[in-house]
C-alpha atoms as a PDB file:
ATOM      1  CA  MET A   1      -0.009   0.029   0.018  1.00  0.00           C
ATOM      2  CA  SER A   2       1.489   3.332  -0.932  1.00  0.00           C
ATOM      3  CA  GLY A   3       1.200   6.676   0.858  1.00  0.00           C
ATOM      4  CA  SER A   4       0.838   7.274   4.809  1.00  0.00           C
ATOM      5  CA  PHE A   5      -1.215   9.128   7.247  1.00  0.00           C
ATOM      6  CA  ASP A   6       0.072  11.715   9.497  1.00  0.00           C
ATOM      7  CA  SER A   7      -1.469  12.486  12.778  1.00  0.00           C
ATOM      8  CA  HIS A   8      -1.566  15.956  13.890  1.00  0.00           C
ATOM      9  CA  PRO A   9      -3.471  18.022  16.498  1.00  0.00           C
ATOM     10  CA  HIS A  10      -5.514  21.027  15.032  1.00  0.00           C
ATOM     11  CA  ASN A  11      -7.985  23.415  16.659  1.00  0.00           C
ATOM     12  CA  ILE A  12     -11.080  24.883  15.431  1.00  0.00           C
ATOM     13  CA  GLY A  13      -9.437  28.054  14.779  1.00  0.00           C
ATOM     14  CA  ASN A  14      -6.623  26.756  12.799  1.00  0.00           C
ATOM     15  CA  LEU A  15      -8.822  24.756  10.477  1.00  0.00           C
ATOM     16  CA  LEU A  16     -11.512  27.175   9.981  1.00  0.00           C
ATOM     17  CA  GLY A  17      -9.786  30.595  10.797  1.00  0.00           C
ATOM     18  CA  GLN A  18      -8.967  33.421   8.623  1.00  0.00           C
ATOM     19  CA  TYR A  19      -5.071  32.372   8.782  1.00  0.00           C
ATOM     20  CA  GLU A  20      -5.697  29.268   6.955  1.00  0.00           C
ATOM     21  CA  PRO A  21      -6.546  30.675   3.376  1.00  0.00           C
ATOM     22  CA  ARG A  22      -7.778  27.419   2.003  1.00  0.00           C
ATOM     23  CA  GLY A  23     -11.328  26.252   2.546  1.00  0.00           C
ATOM     24  CA  ILE A  24     -12.354  22.953   3.824  1.00  0.00           C
ATOM     25  CA  VAL A  25     -14.254  21.134   1.136  1.00  0.00           C
ATOM     26  CA  VAL A  26     -16.410  18.045   1.570  1.00  0.00           C
ATOM     27  CA  PRO A  27     -16.045  15.695  -1.540  1.00  0.00           C
ATOM     28  CA  GLU A  28     -19.049  15.340  -3.672  1.00  0.00           C
ATOM     29  CA  PHE A  29     -19.230  11.583  -3.018  1.00  0.00           C
ATOM     30  CA  GLN A  30     -19.823  11.794   0.471  1.00  0.00           C
ATOM     31  CA  ARG A  31     -23.436  11.800   1.843  1.00  0.00           C
ATOM     32  CA  GLY A  32     -25.245  14.727   3.121  1.00  0.00           C
ATOM     33  CA  TYR A  33     -25.684  16.070   6.781  1.00  0.00           C
ATOM     34  CA  SER A  34     -27.035  13.078   8.624  1.00  0.00           C
ATOM     35  CA  TRP A  35     -26.820  13.796  12.243  1.00  0.00           C
ATOM     36  CA  GLU A  36     -30.216  13.351  14.164  1.00  0.00           C
ATOM     37  CA  LYS A  37     -31.270  15.172  17.259  1.00  0.00           C
ATOM     38  CA  VAL A  38     -29.564  12.588  19.512  1.00  0.00           C
ATOM     39  CA  HIS A  39     -26.242  13.036  18.075  1.00  0.00           C
ATOM     40  CA  VAL A  40     -26.578  16.834  18.301  1.00  0.00           C
ATOM     41  CA  ALA A  41     -27.836  16.619  21.906  1.00  0.00           C
ATOM     42  CA  THR A  42     -24.679  14.378  22.770  1.00  0.00           C
ATOM     43  CA  PHE A  43     -22.312  16.936  21.354  1.00  0.00           C
ATOM     44  CA  TRP A  44     -23.875  19.717  23.169  1.00  0.00           C
ATOM     45  CA  GLU A  45     -24.073  17.837  26.350  1.00  0.00           C
ATOM     46  CA  ASP A  46     -20.471  16.866  26.204  1.00  0.00           C
ATOM     47  CA  LEU A  47     -19.444  20.392  25.199  1.00  0.00           C
ATOM     48  CA  LEU A  48     -21.460  21.708  28.429  1.00  0.00           C
ATOM     49  CA  SER A  49     -19.769  19.191  30.632  1.00  0.00           C
ATOM     50  CA  PHE A  50     -16.295  20.042  29.535  1.00  0.00           C
ATOM     51  CA  LYS A  51     -16.833  23.830  29.834  1.00  0.00           C
ATOM     52  CA  LYS A  52     -18.066  23.525  33.406  1.00  0.00           C
ATOM     53  CA  THR A  53     -15.442  20.769  34.679  1.00  0.00           C
ATOM     54  CA  ALA A  54     -12.366  21.021  32.529  1.00  0.00           C
ATOM     55  CA  PRO A  55      -9.289  22.157  34.159  1.00  0.00           C
ATOM     56  CA  LYS A  56      -8.044  25.756  33.077  1.00  0.00           C
ATOM     57  CA  GLY A  57      -5.983  25.564  29.908  1.00  0.00           C
ATOM     58  CA  GLU A  58      -7.700  22.086  28.885  1.00  0.00           C
ATOM     59  CA  THR A  59      -8.908  21.969  25.096  1.00  0.00           C
ATOM     60  CA  TYR A  60     -12.096  20.298  23.920  1.00  0.00           C
ATOM     61  CA  PHE A  61     -11.448  17.282  21.818  1.00  0.00           C
ATOM     62  CA  LEU A  62     -14.115  17.194  18.984  1.00  0.00           C
ATOM     63  CA  GLY A  63     -12.742  13.774  17.626  1.00  0.00           C
ATOM     64  CA  PRO A  64     -10.478  12.572  14.981  1.00  0.00           C
ATOM     65  CA  ILE A  65     -11.043  13.835  11.500  1.00  0.00           C
ATOM     66  CA  VAL A  66      -9.180  12.970   8.047  1.00  0.00           C
ATOM     67  CA  LEU A  67      -8.115  15.733   5.762  1.00  0.00           C
ATOM     68  CA  LEU A  68      -6.349  15.742   2.496  1.00  0.00           C
ATOM     69  CA  PRO A  69      -4.415  19.203   2.049  1.00  0.00           C
ATOM     70  CA  THR A  70      -3.711  20.371  -1.516  1.00  0.00           C
ATOM     71  CA  LYS A  71      -2.324  23.733  -2.623  1.00  0.00           C
ATOM     72  CA  THR A  72      -5.913  25.500  -3.181  1.00  0.00           C
ATOM     73  CA  GLU A  73      -8.155  23.667  -0.610  1.00  0.00           C
ATOM     74  CA  ILE A  74      -8.419  20.902   2.200  1.00  0.00           C
ATOM     75  CA  VAL A  75     -10.377  18.146   1.193  1.00  0.00           C
ATOM     76  CA  LEU A  76     -12.466  16.567   4.449  1.00  0.00           C
ATOM     77  CA  LEU A  77     -12.611  12.761   4.201  1.00  0.00           C
ATOM     78  CA  ASP A  78     -14.151  12.147   7.319  1.00  0.00           C
ATOM     79  CA  GLY A  79     -15.503  14.499  10.107  1.00  0.00           C
ATOM     80  CA  GLN A  80     -18.312  16.252   8.005  1.00  0.00           C
ATOM     81  CA  GLN A  81     -20.906  15.908  10.439  1.00  0.00           C
ATOM     82  CA  ARG A  82     -18.675  17.330  13.537  1.00  0.00           C
ATOM     83  CA  LEU A  83     -17.579  20.311  11.470  1.00  0.00           C
ATOM     84  CA  ALA A  84     -20.850  20.885  10.133  1.00  0.00           C
ATOM     85  CA  THR A  85     -22.299  21.014  13.528  1.00  0.00           C
ATOM     86  CA  VAL A  86     -19.612  23.084  14.917  1.00  0.00           C
ATOM     87  CA  THR A  87     -20.423  25.394  12.399  1.00  0.00           C
ATOM     88  CA  VAL A  88     -23.998  25.490  13.214  1.00  0.00           C
ATOM     89  CA  LEU A  89     -23.160  26.294  16.824  1.00  0.00           C
ATOM     90  CA  LEU A  90     -20.811  28.909  15.919  1.00  0.00           C
ATOM     91  CA  SER A  91     -23.850  30.805  13.772  1.00  0.00           C
ATOM     92  CA  VAL A  92     -26.012  30.314  16.839  1.00  0.00           C
ATOM     93  CA  LEU A  93     -23.403  31.937  18.994  1.00  0.00           C
ATOM     94  CA  ARG A  94     -23.123  34.792  16.497  1.00  0.00           C
ATOM     95  CA  GLY A  95     -26.840  35.478  16.270  1.00  0.00           C
ATOM     96  CA  THR A  96     -27.372  35.345  19.952  1.00  0.00           C
ATOM     97  CA  ALA A  97     -24.398  37.434  20.823  1.00  0.00           C
ATOM     98  CA  ARG A  98     -25.643  40.164  18.380  1.00  0.00           C
ATOM     99  CA  SER A  99     -28.971  40.124  20.183  1.00  0.00           C
ATOM    100  CA  ILE A 100     -27.578  40.516  23.726  1.00  0.00           C
ATOM    101  CA  GLY A 101     -26.912  43.609  25.643  1.00  0.00           C
ATOM    102  CA  ASN A 102     -27.833  47.092  26.997  1.00  0.00           C
ATOM    103  CA  ASN A 103     -26.204  50.259  25.998  1.00  0.00           C
ATOM    104  CA  ARG A 104     -23.257  49.538  28.019  1.00  0.00           C
ATOM    105  CA  ASN A 105     -22.627  45.784  26.805  1.00  0.00           C
ATOM    106  CA  MET A 106     -24.033  45.784  23.355  1.00  0.00           C
ATOM    107  CA  GLN A 107     -20.926  46.639  21.595  1.00  0.00           C
ATOM    108  CA  SER A 108     -18.941  43.675  22.966  1.00  0.00           C
ATOM    109  CA  GLY A 109     -21.997  41.197  21.735  1.00  0.00           C
ATOM    110  CA  HIS A 110     -21.525  42.629  18.221  1.00  0.00           C
ATOM    111  CA  ASP A 111     -17.790  42.387  18.295  1.00  0.00           C
ATOM    112  CA  LEU A 112     -18.204  38.802  19.482  1.00  0.00           C
ATOM    113  CA  ALA A 113     -20.747  38.095  16.686  1.00  0.00           C
ATOM    114  CA  ARG A 114     -18.461  39.964  14.062  1.00  0.00           C
ATOM    115  CA  ASP A 115     -15.336  38.039  15.057  1.00  0.00           C
ATOM    116  CA  ILE A 116     -17.096  34.548  14.739  1.00  0.00           C
ATOM    117  CA  GLN A 117     -18.241  35.373  11.550  1.00  0.00           C
ATOM    118  CA  ARG A 118     -15.112  36.877  10.245  1.00  0.00           C
ATOM    119  CA  ASP A 119     -12.752  34.305  11.765  1.00  0.00           C
ATOM    120  CA  LEU A 120     -14.458  31.074  11.871  1.00  0.00           C
ATOM    121  CA  ILE A 121     -17.641  30.892   9.502  1.00  0.00           C
ATOM    122  CA  GLY A 122     -17.049  33.699   7.017  1.00  0.00           C
ATOM    123  CA  LYS A 123     -15.673  34.068   3.319  1.00  0.00           C
ATOM    124  CA  LYS A 124     -12.098  33.293   2.838  1.00  0.00           C
ATOM    125  CA  GLU A 125     -12.705  35.051  -0.394  1.00  0.00           C
ATOM    126  CA  LYS A 126     -15.526  36.452  -2.217  1.00  0.00           C
ATOM    127  CA  GLY A 127     -18.174  33.940  -2.509  1.00  0.00           C
ATOM    128  CA  LYS A 128     -16.395  31.289  -0.340  1.00  0.00           C
ATOM    129  CA  TYR A 129     -16.865  30.113   3.287  1.00  0.00           C
ATOM    130  CA  ALA A 130     -14.431  28.318   5.593  1.00  0.00           C
ATOM    131  CA  LEU A 131     -16.465  25.122   5.396  1.00  0.00           C
ATOM    132  CA  ALA A 132     -18.149  24.067   1.809  1.00  0.00           C
ATOM    133  CA  LEU A 133     -20.504  20.879   2.391  1.00  0.00           C
ATOM    134  CA  GLY A 134     -21.342  18.710  -0.728  1.00  0.00           C
ATOM    135  CA  GLU A 135     -23.196  19.570  -3.774  1.00  0.00           C
ATOM    136  CA  LEU A 136     -26.647  18.641  -2.278  1.00  0.00           C
ATOM    137  CA  ASP A 137     -26.257  20.843   0.761  1.00  0.00           C
ATOM    138  CA  ARG A 138     -24.045  23.498   0.118  1.00  0.00           C
ATOM    139  CA  THR A 139     -26.381  26.183  -0.853  1.00  0.00           C
ATOM    140  CA  PHE A 140     -28.967  25.624   1.816  1.00  0.00           C
ATOM    141  CA  PHE A 141     -26.158  25.345   4.556  1.00  0.00           C
ATOM    142  CA  GLN A 142     -24.361  28.660   3.202  1.00  0.00           C
ATOM    143  CA  LYS A 143     -27.822  30.713   3.092  1.00  0.00           C
ATOM    144  CA  THR A 144     -29.329  29.465   6.376  1.00  0.00           C
ATOM    145  CA  ILE A 145     -26.266  28.944   8.448  1.00  0.00           C
ATOM    146  CA  GLN A 146     -23.110  30.770   7.081  1.00  0.00           C
ATOM    147  CA  GLU A 147     -24.614  33.980   5.661  1.00  0.00           C
ATOM    148  CA  ASP A 148     -24.870  36.919   8.129  1.00  0.00           C
ATOM    149  CA  PRO A 149     -27.579  37.369   8.451  1.00  0.00           C
ATOM    150  CA  PRO A 150     -28.816  33.964   7.356  1.00  0.00           C
ATOM    151  CA  ALA A 151     -31.657  33.891   4.879  1.00  0.00           C
ATOM    152  CA  THR A 152     -34.955  31.786   5.501  1.00  0.00           C
ATOM    153  CA  GLN A 153     -35.175  28.831   2.845  1.00  0.00           C
ATOM    154  CA  ALA A 154     -37.645  26.036   2.953  1.00  0.00           C
ATOM    155  CA  PRO A 155     -35.725  22.477   3.200  1.00  0.00           C
ATOM    156  CA  ARG A 156     -35.947  20.236   0.050  1.00  0.00           C
ATOM    157  CA  LEU A 157     -34.078  17.369   1.370  1.00  0.00           C
ATOM    158  CA  ARG A 158     -33.828  15.265   4.383  1.00  0.00           C
ATOM    159  CA  SER A 159     -30.411  16.457   4.856  1.00  0.00           C
ATOM    160  CA  HIS A 160     -31.845  19.931   4.868  1.00  0.00           C
ATOM    161  CA  ASN A 161     -34.322  19.054   7.595  1.00  0.00           C
ATOM    162  CA  LEU A 162     -31.681  17.862   9.870  1.00  0.00           C
ATOM    163  CA  ILE A 163     -29.620  21.018   9.426  1.00  0.00           C
ATOM    164  CA  LYS A 164     -32.696  23.101  10.151  1.00  0.00           C
ATOM    165  CA  ASN A 165     -33.277  20.564  13.225  1.00  0.00           C
ATOM    166  CA  CYS A 166     -29.765  21.193  14.509  1.00  0.00           C
ATOM    167  CA  LEU A 167     -29.968  24.854  14.263  1.00  0.00           C
ATOM    168  CA  GLU A 168     -33.235  24.831  16.051  1.00  0.00           C
ATOM    169  CA  PHE A 169     -31.988  22.599  18.959  1.00  0.00           C
ATOM    170  CA  LEU A 170     -28.809  24.377  19.433  1.00  0.00           C
ATOM    171  CA  THR A 171     -30.682  27.826  19.540  1.00  0.00           C
ATOM    172  CA  ALA A 172     -32.894  26.643  22.169  1.00  0.00           C
ATOM    173  CA  ALA A 173     -30.017  25.185  23.952  1.00  0.00           C
ATOM    174  CA  VAL A 174     -27.960  28.141  23.920  1.00  0.00           C
ATOM    175  CA  GLN A 175     -31.007  30.260  24.930  1.00  0.00           C
ATOM    176  CA  ASP A 176     -31.494  27.849  27.798  1.00  0.00           C
ATOM    177  CA  GLU A 177     -27.695  28.187  29.052  1.00  0.00           C
ATOM    178  CA  ILE A 178     -27.887  31.928  29.220  1.00  0.00           C
ATOM    179  CA  ALA A 179     -31.509  32.508  30.408  1.00  0.00           C
ATOM    180  CA  SER A 180     -30.487  33.415  33.943  1.00  0.00           C
ATOM    181  CA  LEU A 181     -27.548  35.689  32.949  1.00  0.00           C
ATOM    182  CA  GLY A 182     -27.286  39.251  32.839  1.00  0.00           C
ATOM    183  CA  ALA A 183     -26.137  40.711  29.471  1.00  0.00           C
ATOM    184  CA  ALA A 184     -22.320  40.741  30.255  1.00  0.00           C
ATOM    185  CA  LYS A 185     -22.196  37.346  31.781  1.00  0.00           C
ATOM    186  CA  ALA A 186     -24.135  35.938  28.889  1.00  0.00           C
ATOM    187  CA  ILE A 187     -21.698  37.317  26.510  1.00  0.00           C
ATOM    188  CA  ASP A 188     -18.875  35.910  28.427  1.00  0.00           C
ATOM    189  CA  ASP A 189     -20.625  32.701  28.627  1.00  0.00           C
ATOM    190  CA  LEU A 190     -21.198  32.566  24.800  1.00  0.00           C
ATOM    191  CA  ALA A 191     -17.548  33.627  24.373  1.00  0.00           C
ATOM    192  CA  ALA A 192     -16.434  30.394  26.550  1.00  0.00           C
ATOM    193  CA  LEU A 193     -18.647  28.250  24.403  1.00  0.00           C
ATOM    194  CA  GLN A 194     -16.950  29.685  21.469  1.00  0.00           C
ATOM    195  CA  GLY A 195     -13.492  29.027  23.047  1.00  0.00           C
ATOM    196  CA  ARG A 196     -12.740  32.776  24.333  1.00  0.00           C
ATOM    197  CA  PRO A 197     -12.898  32.071  28.276  1.00  0.00           C
ATOM    198  CA  ARG A 198     -13.492  35.819  28.656  1.00  0.00           C
ATOM    199  CA  TYR A 199     -14.117  37.385  25.359  1.00  0.00           C
ATOM    200  CA  ARG A 200     -13.353  40.991  26.580  1.00  0.00           C
ATOM    201  CA  HIS A 201     -10.022  40.161  27.980  1.00  0.00           C
ATOM    202  CA  ASN A 202      -8.572  36.921  26.223  1.00  0.00           C
ATOM    203  CA  ASP A 203      -8.589  35.352  22.806  1.00  0.00           C
ATOM    204  CA  GLY A 204      -8.506  31.728  21.888  1.00  0.00           C
ATOM    205  CA  CYS A 205     -10.570  28.849  20.016  1.00  0.00           C
ATOM    206  CA  TYR A 206     -11.490  25.340  21.523  1.00  0.00           C
END
């Protein structure tokens, strides 16, 4: 057998962030988004547990993914469901942050939303996003998740409905997580979920 695999740790900021000029592309032959509510709920509960119990400085392990880097793009051979779900969560954090605040705290919420879009979701170059799903899901995912602000589009496929269900579940879960918090603490909590333990003072990615 020719060729070999090298194992390297990556964080979400490195893979999706603005300093990686190549987008991550799901091959056309891969299936569409397929996570059911139970999978999304397990991911969310695991992330919450990590945020609340992990020692300071510990990083959240999303799981192994398989990448094939080329000069122009990074082909995602395994890990589509996790990276797509993370992107949905980032879009929820973006929208929630933007909607929070009073006169004193509103700007930091807008700043967090702006930075999530620019650094982890948004366009690497005109017309492109950090993650490109396969042909059947790409446009729906871009319009309803990655665009800022997102558009409303009726699902046409089962995978579209699953993306929509994921968005609705994570939106409700994030709202529930910050429901009892004031504006400033809510923004900090959103920043911690995104990987910035105190957004107004530190920077980082999980």
